Protein backbone atom coordinates (compact mmCIF):
# COMPACT_ATOMS: atom_id res chain seq x y z
CA MET A 1 -0.31 0.54 -0.19
CA ALA A 2 1.69 2.97 -0.96
CA GLU A 3 0.78 6.11 1.19
CA THR A 4 0.47 9.81 -0.24
CA PHE A 5 1.89 12.46 2.96
CA TYR A 6 0.88 15.73 1.76
CA ASP A 7 2.52 18.95 2.30
CA ASP A 8 0.83 21.16 4.29
CA SER A 9 1.35 24.44 1.71
CA THR A 10 0.24 22.73 -1.14
CA VAL A 11 -3.28 21.26 0.59
CA ASN A 12 -3.18 25.60 1.86
CA ALA A 13 -2.49 26.57 -1.84
CA GLN A 14 -5.49 24.38 -3.15
CA TRP A 15 -7.91 25.63 -0.41
CA SER A 16 -7.10 28.72 -0.86
CA THR A 17 -7.25 28.68 -4.24
CA LEU A 18 -10.62 26.58 -3.84
CA LYS A 19 -12.13 29.42 -1.59
CA THR A 20 -11.12 31.71 -4.16
CA SER A 21 -12.92 30.77 -6.95
CA ILE A 22 -16.09 29.08 -5.51
CA ARG A 23 -16.25 33.57 -3.44
CA LYS A 24 -15.78 34.75 -7.58
CA ALA A 25 -18.96 32.54 -8.51
CA THR A 26 -21.09 33.31 -6.19
CA LEU A 27 -20.08 36.88 -6.41
CA GLY A 28 -20.83 36.51 -9.92
CA GLN A 29 -23.87 34.77 -9.58
CA LEU A 30 -25.61 36.18 -6.52
CA GLY A 31 -23.83 39.78 -6.51
CA GLU A 32 -22.70 41.03 -2.45
CA ILE A 33 -25.24 42.28 -0.39
CA LEU A 34 -25.45 45.25 0.68
CA ARG A 35 -25.60 46.48 3.93
CA HIS A 36 -28.28 49.62 4.55
CA LYS A 37 -25.95 51.86 7.51
CA ARG A 38 -28.53 53.81 9.84
CA ASP A 39 -29.07 57.41 8.73
CA TRP A 40 -27.47 58.53 12.50
CA ILE A 41 -24.55 56.73 12.32
CA SER A 42 -21.02 59.43 11.34
CA ASP A 43 -18.39 58.23 8.21
CA ARG A 44 -16.01 58.25 11.95
CA THR A 45 -17.71 55.68 13.26
CA LEU A 46 -18.35 53.32 10.33
CA GLN A 47 -14.45 53.98 10.36
CA LEU A 48 -13.53 52.48 14.00
CA PHE A 49 -16.27 49.77 13.24
CA ALA A 50 -13.86 48.52 9.80
CA LYS A 51 -10.12 49.26 12.41
CA ALA A 52 -11.93 47.17 14.52
CA ARG A 53 -13.13 44.44 12.39
CA ASP A 54 -9.34 44.43 10.97
CA ALA A 55 -7.47 44.62 14.59
CA ARG A 56 -10.30 40.94 15.19
CA LEU A 57 -9.52 39.75 11.96
CA ILE A 58 -5.98 39.66 12.75
CA ASN A 59 -6.09 38.50 16.30
CA SER A 60 -3.96 41.88 17.49
CA PRO A 61 -5.05 43.09 21.18
CA GLU A 62 -6.25 46.74 20.11
CA PHE A 63 -9.66 45.35 19.03
CA ARG A 64 -10.90 45.95 22.42
CA ILE A 65 -9.87 48.67 22.13
CA PHE A 66 -11.03 50.10 18.85
CA ARG A 67 -14.39 48.31 20.17
CA ARG A 68 -14.66 50.39 23.00
CA LEU A 69 -14.63 53.74 20.86
CA ALA A 70 -16.56 52.64 17.78
CA THR A 71 -19.45 51.87 20.56
CA ARG A 72 -18.99 54.86 22.04
CA SER A 73 -19.05 56.36 19.27
CA ALA A 74 -22.45 55.30 17.59
CA LYS A 75 -24.03 55.93 20.71
CA GLY A 76 -23.24 59.57 20.92
CA ASP A 77 -23.96 59.57 16.99
CA ARG A 78 -27.17 58.23 18.17
CA LYS A 79 -28.13 60.64 20.62
CA GLN A 80 -27.24 63.81 18.53
CA TYR A 81 -29.25 62.02 15.97
CA TRP A 82 -32.25 62.12 17.96
CA GLU A 83 -31.53 65.69 19.82
CA ALA A 84 -32.01 66.87 16.28
CA ILE A 85 -34.78 65.19 15.56
CA ALA A 86 -36.74 66.44 19.12
CA ASP A 87 -35.02 69.86 18.51
CA ASN A 88 -36.62 69.70 14.63
CA MET A 89 -40.39 68.42 16.74
CA GLU A 90 -39.85 71.64 19.06
CA ALA A 91 -39.40 74.38 16.13
CA ALA A 92 -42.20 72.37 14.70
CA THR A 93 -44.80 72.85 17.18
CA VAL A 94 -43.55 76.59 18.03
CA ALA A 95 -43.96 77.39 14.33
CA ALA A 96 -47.40 76.01 14.33
CA ASP A 97 -46.53 73.67 11.16
CA ILE A 98 -48.18 70.56 11.60
CA VAL A 99 -47.71 68.98 8.33
CA LYS A 100 -43.94 68.82 9.22
CA LEU A 101 -45.01 67.95 13.46
CA PHE A 102 -46.69 64.94 12.02
CA ARG A 103 -44.00 64.42 9.86
CA LEU A 104 -41.26 63.96 12.17
CA ILE A 105 -43.30 61.87 14.44
CA ARG A 106 -44.04 59.18 11.31
CA VAL A 107 -39.96 59.42 11.64
CA ALA A 108 -39.23 58.72 15.14
CA ALA A 109 -41.86 56.18 15.36
CA GLY A 110 -40.30 53.61 12.79
CA LYS A 111 -41.53 51.66 10.38
CA ARG A 112 -45.52 49.87 11.39
CA GLN A 113 -44.10 46.38 12.04
CA THR A 114 -46.98 45.41 9.69
CA SER A 115 -48.41 41.19 9.94
CA GLU A 116 -51.30 39.47 9.06
CA PRO A 117 -52.31 37.33 11.99
CA LEU A 118 -52.23 33.68 11.58
CA LEU A 119 -55.73 31.65 10.61
CA ARG A 120 -56.32 28.54 11.13
CA SER A 121 -58.75 26.37 9.56
CA THR A 122 -61.66 24.46 11.10
CA THR A 123 -59.85 21.15 10.70
CA GLY A 124 -56.89 23.04 12.40
CA GLN A 125 -54.86 24.00 9.38
CA LEU A 126 -52.54 27.16 8.58
CA ILE A 127 -53.92 28.75 5.87
CA GLN A 128 -51.93 31.30 4.20
CA GLU A 129 -53.41 32.24 0.66
CA THR A 130 -55.46 36.03 0.54
CA GLU A 131 -58.69 33.73 -0.45
CA GLN A 132 -58.96 30.95 1.56
CA LYS A 133 -58.57 33.63 4.78
CA ILE A 134 -61.58 35.14 3.14
CA GLN A 135 -63.50 31.97 2.86
CA ARG A 136 -62.50 31.10 6.59
CA TRP A 137 -63.81 34.62 7.35
CA VAL A 138 -66.74 34.55 5.94
CA GLU A 139 -67.65 31.43 7.68
CA HIS A 140 -66.42 32.24 10.71
CA PHE A 141 -68.72 34.98 11.04
CA ASP A 142 -71.63 32.65 9.23
CA GLY A 143 -71.20 30.97 12.52
CA LEU A 144 -71.62 33.61 15.05
CA LEU A 145 -73.91 35.90 13.32
CA ASN A 146 -76.36 33.01 11.83
CA ARG A 147 -77.78 31.45 15.04
CA PRO A 148 -81.13 29.63 15.31
CA SER A 149 -83.67 31.49 16.77
CA ASN A 150 -85.25 29.90 19.83
CA GLN A 151 -88.99 29.94 18.62
CA ALA A 152 -91.89 29.84 21.20
CA GLY A 153 -92.80 26.83 20.51
CA SER A 154 -89.24 25.32 21.31
CA LEU A 155 -89.18 26.40 24.44
CA GLN A 156 -89.80 24.51 27.60
CA VAL A 157 -91.68 25.68 30.14
CA SER A 158 -91.83 24.15 33.68
CA SER A 159 -95.68 24.59 34.57
CA SER A 160 -94.85 24.70 38.15
CA SER A 161 -97.62 25.48 40.96
CA GLU A 162 -95.79 27.07 43.57
CA THR A 163 -96.40 31.16 43.85
CA TYR A 164 -93.72 33.10 44.59
CA ASP A 165 -93.54 36.07 46.95
CA THR A 166 -92.36 39.17 44.93
CA ASN A 167 -92.62 42.30 47.62
């Protein structure tokens, strides 16, 4: 039996070549994911986060320092952003500019999370299609609103000879 020993440098080189070719192929087909930065993060803070990331990748002890500086800078940026929004709201209130005030309130409130309620069929399965959801709501309200009425003939009245004192 012939044993083959691989040199570490050739294995690492092959792995590096394979990794770069896979990355290039995926970037070519899928593209790069663009992360949206928040409006209130300054360029200085982004640079500090990049330095922290680079320090972490090379296992540098300066990573903690850069991360702490970046976090403090981000907190300061966020505080400055909200103070500016509050100042603009106060100015809009003083100027009686209702349109601007409500626009700023919408900005401050953020995006609403719109989620549809989960509906289950009568058998207990989740309904996902809109038409089926509408049909299920129709069934639900038909069951609630269309109950059989009690007719006089169907009521059971006990005829007892007991008299009750109402005073």
